[in-house]
C-alpha atoms as a PDB file:
ATOM      1  CA  UNK A   1     253.022  89.839  29.291  1.00  0.00           C
ATOM      2  CA  UNK A   2     250.010  90.937  27.157  1.00  0.00           C
ATOM      3  CA  UNK A   3     248.592  93.082  30.155  1.00  0.00           C
ATOM      4  CA  UNK A   4     252.004  94.620  30.989  1.00  0.00           C
ATOM      5  CA  UNK A   5     252.330  95.770  27.162  1.00  0.00           C
ATOM      6  CA  UNK A   6     248.665  97.145  27.323  1.00  0.00           C
ATOM      7  CA  UNK A   7     249.177  99.241  30.106  1.00  0.00           C
ATOM      8  CA  UNK A   8     252.218 100.711  28.884  1.00  0.00           C
ATOM      9  CA  UNK A   9     250.438 101.434  25.709  1.00  0.00           C
ATOM     10  CA  UNK A  10     247.691 103.110  27.684  1.00  0.00           C
ATOM     11  CA  UNK A  11     250.514 105.098  29.735  1.00  0.00           C
ATOM     12  CA  UNK A  12     252.239 106.036  26.516  1.00  0.00           C
ATOM     13  CA  UNK A  13     248.893 107.302  25.151  1.00  0.00           C
ATOM     14  CA  UNK A  14     247.767 109.656  28.523  1.00  0.00           C
ATOM     15  CA  UNK A  15     251.473 110.724  28.339  1.00  0.00           C
ATOM     16  CA  UNK A  16     251.376 111.868  24.736  1.00  0.00           C
ATOM     17  CA  UNK A  17     247.729 113.313  25.145  1.00  0.00           C
ATOM     18  CA  UNK A  18     248.780 115.142  28.194  1.00  0.00           C
ATOM     19  CA  UNK A  19     251.899 116.371  26.384  1.00  0.00           C
ATOM     20  CA  UNK A  20     249.754 117.864  23.232  1.00  0.00           C
ATOM     21  CA  UNK A  21     247.196 119.134  25.899  1.00  0.00           C
ATOM     22  CA  UNK A  22     249.931 120.999  27.585  1.00  0.00           C
ATOM     23  CA  UNK A  23     251.321 122.506  24.366  1.00  0.00           C
ATOM     24  CA  UNK A  24     247.967 123.645  23.254  1.00  0.00           C
ATOM     25  CA  UNK A  25     247.245 125.330  26.716  1.00  0.00           C
ATOM     26  CA  UNK A  26     250.555 127.433  26.501  1.00  0.00           C
ATOM     27  CA  UNK A  27     249.950 128.908  23.037  1.00  0.00           C
ATOM     28  CA  UNK A  28     247.041 131.122  24.267  1.00  0.00           C
ATOM     29  CA  UNK A  29     249.092 132.281  27.004  1.00  0.00           C
ATOM     30  CA  UNK A  30     252.297 132.890  24.594  1.00  0.00           C
ATOM     31  CA  UNK A  31     249.598 135.128  22.264  1.00  0.00           C
ATOM     32  CA  UNK A  32     248.172 136.600  25.016  1.00  0.00           C
ATOM     33  CA  UNK A  33     251.454 137.940  26.152  1.00  0.00           C
ATOM     34  CA  UNK A  34     252.535 139.008  22.691  1.00  0.00           C
ATOM     35  CA  UNK A  35     249.464 141.019  21.985  1.00  0.00           C
ATOM     36  CA  UNK A  36     249.885 142.707  25.118  1.00  0.00           C
ATOM     37  CA  UNK A  37     253.623 143.509  24.885  1.00  0.00           C
ATOM     38  CA  UNK A  38     252.976 144.444  21.227  1.00  0.00           C
ATOM     39  CA  UNK A  39     249.698 145.455  20.457  1.00  0.00           C
ATOM     40  CA  UNK A  40     250.657 146.831  16.982  1.00  0.00           C
ATOM     41  CA  UNK A  41     252.205 144.815  14.293  1.00  0.00           C
ATOM     42  CA  UNK A  42     255.664 145.313  13.688  1.00  0.00           C
ATOM     43  CA  UNK A  43     256.229 143.566  10.095  1.00  0.00           C
ATOM     44  CA  UNK A  44     253.987 142.325   7.172  1.00  0.00           C
ATOM     45  CA  UNK A  45     253.894 138.522   6.090  1.00  0.00           C
ATOM     46  CA  UNK A  46     252.148 138.116   2.947  1.00  0.00           C
ATOM     47  CA  UNK A  47     251.513 134.266   1.771  1.00  0.00           C
ATOM     48  CA  UNK A  48     252.045 133.785  -2.105  1.00  0.00           C
ATOM     49  CA  UNK A  49     249.560 132.022  -4.039  1.00  0.00           C
ATOM     50  CA  UNK A  50     247.107 134.651  -5.058  1.00  0.00           C
ATOM     51  CA  UNK A  51     247.543 136.633  -8.137  1.00  0.00           C
ATOM     52  CA  UNK A  52     246.682 139.908  -6.311  1.00  0.00           C
ATOM     53  CA  UNK A  53     248.580 139.440  -2.949  1.00  0.00           C
ATOM     54  CA  UNK A  54     251.564 141.202  -3.844  1.00  0.00           C
ATOM     55  CA  UNK A  55     249.807 143.941  -5.512  1.00  0.00           C
ATOM     56  CA  UNK A  56     247.784 144.463  -2.468  1.00  0.00           C
ATOM     57  CA  UNK A  57     250.681 143.936  -0.225  1.00  0.00           C
ATOM     58  CA  UNK A  58     252.742 146.613  -1.965  1.00  0.00           C
ATOM     59  CA  UNK A  59     249.864 149.182  -1.638  1.00  0.00           C
ATOM     60  CA  UNK A  60     249.228 148.362   1.858  1.00  0.00           C
ATOM     61  CA  UNK A  61     252.714 148.548   2.883  1.00  0.00           C
ATOM     62  CA  UNK A  62     252.742 152.209   1.695  1.00  0.00           C
ATOM     63  CA  UNK A  63     250.872 152.720   4.872  1.00  0.00           C
ATOM     64  CA  UNK A  64     253.316 151.225   6.974  1.00  0.00           C
ATOM     65  CA  UNK A  65     256.734 152.734   5.491  1.00  0.00           C
ATOM     66  CA  UNK A  66     258.866 151.499   8.488  1.00  0.00           C
ATOM     67  CA  UNK A  67     258.089 147.984   8.379  1.00  0.00           C
ATOM     68  CA  UNK A  68     259.758 144.835   6.887  1.00  0.00           C
ATOM     69  CA  UNK A  69     257.807 143.021   4.488  1.00  0.00           C
ATOM     70  CA  UNK A  70     258.135 139.089   3.823  1.00  0.00           C
ATOM     71  CA  UNK A  71     256.595 137.200   0.946  1.00  0.00           C
ATOM     72  CA  UNK A  72     256.528 133.608   1.205  1.00  0.00           C
ATOM     73  CA  UNK A  73     256.718 131.816  -1.955  1.00  0.00           C
ATOM     74  CA  UNK A  74     254.811 134.297  -4.123  1.00  0.00           C
ATOM     75  CA  UNK A  75     255.581 135.400  -7.375  1.00  0.00           C
ATOM     76  CA  UNK A  76     258.932 134.767  -9.241  1.00  0.00           C
ATOM     77  CA  UNK A  77     261.479 137.090  -8.126  1.00  0.00           C
ATOM     78  CA  UNK A  78     261.617 139.440 -11.083  1.00  0.00           C
ATOM     79  CA  UNK A  79     258.055 140.058 -11.142  1.00  0.00           C
ATOM     80  CA  UNK A  80     257.479 140.333  -7.247  1.00  0.00           C
ATOM     81  CA  UNK A  81     260.432 143.082  -7.230  1.00  0.00           C
ATOM     82  CA  UNK A  82     258.800 145.104  -9.746  1.00  0.00           C
ATOM     83  CA  UNK A  83     255.354 144.977  -8.151  1.00  0.00           C
ATOM     84  CA  UNK A  84     257.190 146.617  -4.768  1.00  0.00           C
ATOM     85  CA  UNK A  85     259.442 148.908  -6.588  1.00  0.00           C
ATOM     86  CA  UNK A  86     256.494 150.228  -8.795  1.00  0.00           C
ATOM     87  CA  UNK A  87     254.766 150.933  -5.406  1.00  0.00           C
ATOM     88  CA  UNK A  88     258.030 152.689  -4.321  1.00  0.00           C
ATOM     89  CA  UNK A  89     259.064 149.761  -1.774  1.00  0.00           C
ATOM     90  CA  UNK A  90     262.760 149.980  -1.505  1.00  0.00           C
ATOM     91  CA  UNK A  91     264.651 146.349  -1.660  1.00  0.00           C
ATOM     92  CA  UNK A  92     265.982 146.797   2.016  1.00  0.00           C
ATOM     93  CA  UNK A  93     262.481 146.343   3.215  1.00  0.00           C
ATOM     94  CA  UNK A  94     261.406 143.430   1.289  1.00  0.00           C
ATOM     95  CA  UNK A  95     262.216 139.567   1.893  1.00  0.00           C
ATOM     96  CA  UNK A  96     261.135 137.244  -0.743  1.00  0.00           C
ATOM     97  CA  UNK A  97     261.500 133.631   0.567  1.00  0.00           C
ATOM     98  CA  UNK A  98     260.951 130.818  -1.496  1.00  0.00           C
ATOM     99  CA  UNK A  99     261.632 127.759   0.715  1.00  0.00           C
ATOM    100  CA  UNK A 100     257.572 126.955   1.449  1.00  0.00           C
ATOM    101  CA  UNK A 101     255.836 124.318  -0.300  1.00  0.00           C
ATOM    102  CA  UNK A 102     252.523 124.907   1.093  1.00  0.00           C
ATOM    103  CA  UNK A 103     250.589 126.904   3.664  1.00  0.00           C
ATOM    104  CA  UNK A 104     252.117 125.066   6.708  1.00  0.00           C
ATOM    105  CA  UNK A 105     255.630 125.631   5.395  1.00  0.00           C
ATOM    106  CA  UNK A 106     255.129 129.275   4.597  1.00  0.00           C
ATOM    107  CA  UNK A 107     254.858 129.387   8.497  1.00  0.00           C
ATOM    108  CA  UNK A 108     257.734 126.715   9.284  1.00  0.00           C
ATOM    109  CA  UNK A 109     260.329 128.332   7.014  1.00  0.00           C
ATOM    110  CA  UNK A 110     259.868 131.749   8.617  1.00  0.00           C
ATOM    111  CA  UNK A 111     258.718 131.285  12.146  1.00  0.00           C
ATOM    112  CA  UNK A 112     262.416 131.317  13.718  1.00  0.00           C
ATOM    113  CA  UNK A 113     263.394 133.962  11.612  1.00  0.00           C
ATOM    114  CA  UNK A 114     260.890 136.243  13.080  1.00  0.00           C
ATOM    115  CA  UNK A 115     261.431 134.972  16.394  1.00  0.00           C
ATOM    116  CA  UNK A 116     265.397 135.746  16.099  1.00  0.00           C
ATOM    117  CA  UNK A 117     264.367 139.306  14.974  1.00  0.00           C
ATOM    118  CA  UNK A 118     262.272 139.697  18.070  1.00  0.00           C
ATOM    119  CA  UNK A 119     259.113 140.386  16.045  1.00  0.00           C
ATOM    120  CA  UNK A 120     256.066 139.657  18.255  1.00  0.00           C
ATOM    121  CA  UNK A 121     253.423 140.873  16.187  1.00  0.00           C
ATOM    122  CA  UNK A 122     252.637 140.304  12.195  1.00  0.00           C
ATOM    123  CA  UNK A 123     250.163 141.476   9.754  1.00  0.00           C
ATOM    124  CA  UNK A 124     249.155 138.422   7.895  1.00  0.00           C
ATOM    125  CA  UNK A 125     247.936 138.965   4.558  1.00  0.00           C
ATOM    126  CA  UNK A 126     246.287 136.292   2.453  1.00  0.00           C
ATOM    127  CA  UNK A 127     243.006 135.599   0.450  1.00  0.00           C
ATOM    128  CA  UNK A 128     239.874 135.535   2.331  1.00  0.00           C
ATOM    129  CA  UNK A 129     239.297 132.123   1.005  1.00  0.00           C
ATOM    130  CA  UNK A 130     242.357 130.974   2.400  1.00  0.00           C
ATOM    131  CA  UNK A 131     242.244 132.958   5.983  1.00  0.00           C
ATOM    132  CA  UNK A 132     240.426 130.280   7.900  1.00  0.00           C
ATOM    133  CA  UNK A 133     242.926 127.599   7.500  1.00  0.00           C
ATOM    134  CA  UNK A 134     245.785 130.464   7.709  1.00  0.00           C
ATOM    135  CA  UNK A 135     244.438 131.703  10.868  1.00  0.00           C
ATOM    136  CA  UNK A 136     244.417 127.880  12.429  1.00  0.00           C
ATOM    137  CA  UNK A 137     248.057 127.106  11.413  1.00  0.00           C
ATOM    138  CA  UNK A 138     249.274 130.671  12.240  1.00  0.00           C
ATOM    139  CA  UNK A 139     247.795 130.264  15.914  1.00  0.00           C
ATOM    140  CA  UNK A 140     249.608 127.236  16.549  1.00  0.00           C
ATOM    141  CA  UNK A 141     253.117 127.643  14.764  1.00  0.00           C
ATOM    142  CA  UNK A 142     253.307 131.572  15.237  1.00  0.00           C
ATOM    143  CA  UNK A 143     251.629 131.039  18.596  1.00  0.00           C
ATOM    144  CA  UNK A 144     254.330 128.202  19.739  1.00  0.00           C
ATOM    145  CA  UNK A 145     256.933 131.128  19.546  1.00  0.00           C
ATOM    146  CA  UNK A 146     255.004 133.840  21.003  1.00  0.00           C
ATOM    147  CA  UNK A 147     254.299 135.575  17.903  1.00  0.00           C
ATOM    148  CA  UNK A 148     251.005 137.384  17.379  1.00  0.00           C
ATOM    149  CA  UNK A 149     249.410 138.349  14.113  1.00  0.00           C
ATOM    150  CA  UNK A 150     246.587 140.300  12.664  1.00  0.00           C
ATOM    151  CA  UNK A 151     244.756 138.922   9.736  1.00  0.00           C
ATOM    152  CA  UNK A 152     244.266 141.305   6.658  1.00  0.00           C
ATOM    153  CA  UNK A 153     242.057 139.274   4.199  1.00  0.00           C
ATOM    154  CA  UNK A 154     242.102 140.257   0.315  1.00  0.00           C
ATOM    155  CA  UNK A 155     238.910 139.521  -1.167  1.00  0.00           C
ATOM    156  CA  UNK A 156     239.140 136.622  -3.369  1.00  0.00           C
ATOM    157  CA  UNK A 157     237.360 134.028  -5.526  1.00  0.00           C
ATOM    158  CA  UNK A 158     236.162 131.766  -5.075  1.00  0.00           C
ATOM    159  CA  UNK A 159     233.930 133.243  -2.188  1.00  0.00           C
ATOM    160  CA  UNK A 160     233.439 129.843  -0.437  1.00  0.00           C
ATOM    161  CA  UNK A 161     235.775 128.975   2.213  1.00  0.00           C
ATOM    162  CA  UNK A 162     238.271 126.027   2.485  1.00  0.00           C
ATOM    163  CA  UNK A 163     237.041 122.525   3.602  1.00  0.00           C
ATOM    164  CA  UNK A 164     237.123 121.378   7.164  1.00  0.00           C
ATOM    165  CA  UNK A 165     239.117 118.522   6.250  1.00  0.00           C
ATOM    166  CA  UNK A 166     242.082 120.752   4.911  1.00  0.00           C
ATOM    167  CA  UNK A 167     241.718 122.809   7.895  1.00  0.00           C
ATOM    168  CA  UNK A 168     241.884 119.772  10.290  1.00  0.00           C
ATOM    169  CA  UNK A 169     244.772 118.195   8.367  1.00  0.00           C
ATOM    170  CA  UNK A 170     246.954 121.527   8.384  1.00  0.00           C
ATOM    171  CA  UNK A 171     246.423 121.494  12.138  1.00  0.00           C
ATOM    172  CA  UNK A 172     247.220 118.206  12.899  1.00  0.00           C
ATOM    173  CA  UNK A 173     250.573 118.910  10.595  1.00  0.00           C
ATOM    174  CA  UNK A 174     251.112 121.908  12.746  1.00  0.00           C
ATOM    175  CA  UNK A 175     250.872 120.073  15.866  1.00  0.00           C
ATOM    176  CA  UNK A 176     253.438 117.394  14.526  1.00  0.00           C
ATOM    177  CA  UNK A 177     256.056 120.151  13.473  1.00  0.00           C
ATOM    178  CA  UNK A 178     255.896 121.483  16.799  1.00  0.00           C
ATOM    179  CA  UNK A 179     256.326 117.981  18.560  1.00  0.00           C
ATOM    180  CA  UNK A 180     258.650 116.333  15.642  1.00  0.00           C
ATOM    181  CA  UNK A 181     260.422 119.400  13.517  1.00  0.00           C
ATOM    182  CA  UNK A 182     258.805 117.643  10.463  1.00  0.00           C
ATOM    183  CA  UNK A 183     255.674 118.953   8.820  1.00  0.00           C
ATOM    184  CA  UNK A 184     254.708 116.154   6.612  1.00  0.00           C
ATOM    185  CA  UNK A 185     255.230 117.926   3.508  1.00  0.00           C
END
């Protein structure tokens, strides 16, 4: 009986590993297709949290007057709107989303919105410090839906990058979200 249970456990582990491997192999293909079909970004996504991210985004968006702008869990509504209004950005271009609780949920709360709106390529704005972890998460979550991104890092303090542990933890959380729909937040 123990031998049968051991074999079933082994089969289950191989099956799970195969599913994760298949998933990971489809993401680069979906991203390549998205970059090919839409080489230029169609919208802007800014991850809130840094004091200067909305200010930078407002100035950056002036160069792309037809792009919609999403800010995920940034400054309070009245402050964010004031920053964008000062830069001449009209409300019809601006989407302020406050559902995210952390970096992984910045993506999981909006990826289906982008997919429904047929957005295949985003400018992705965050701090330079935060960018390696953001790129890892975005590759998995946006890539799973065939949405490419062009990173736009903002100079930030501290100048060191985030720890490898935090990056690996959020890669695991992103994979868990794809498999289960749960982020572990």
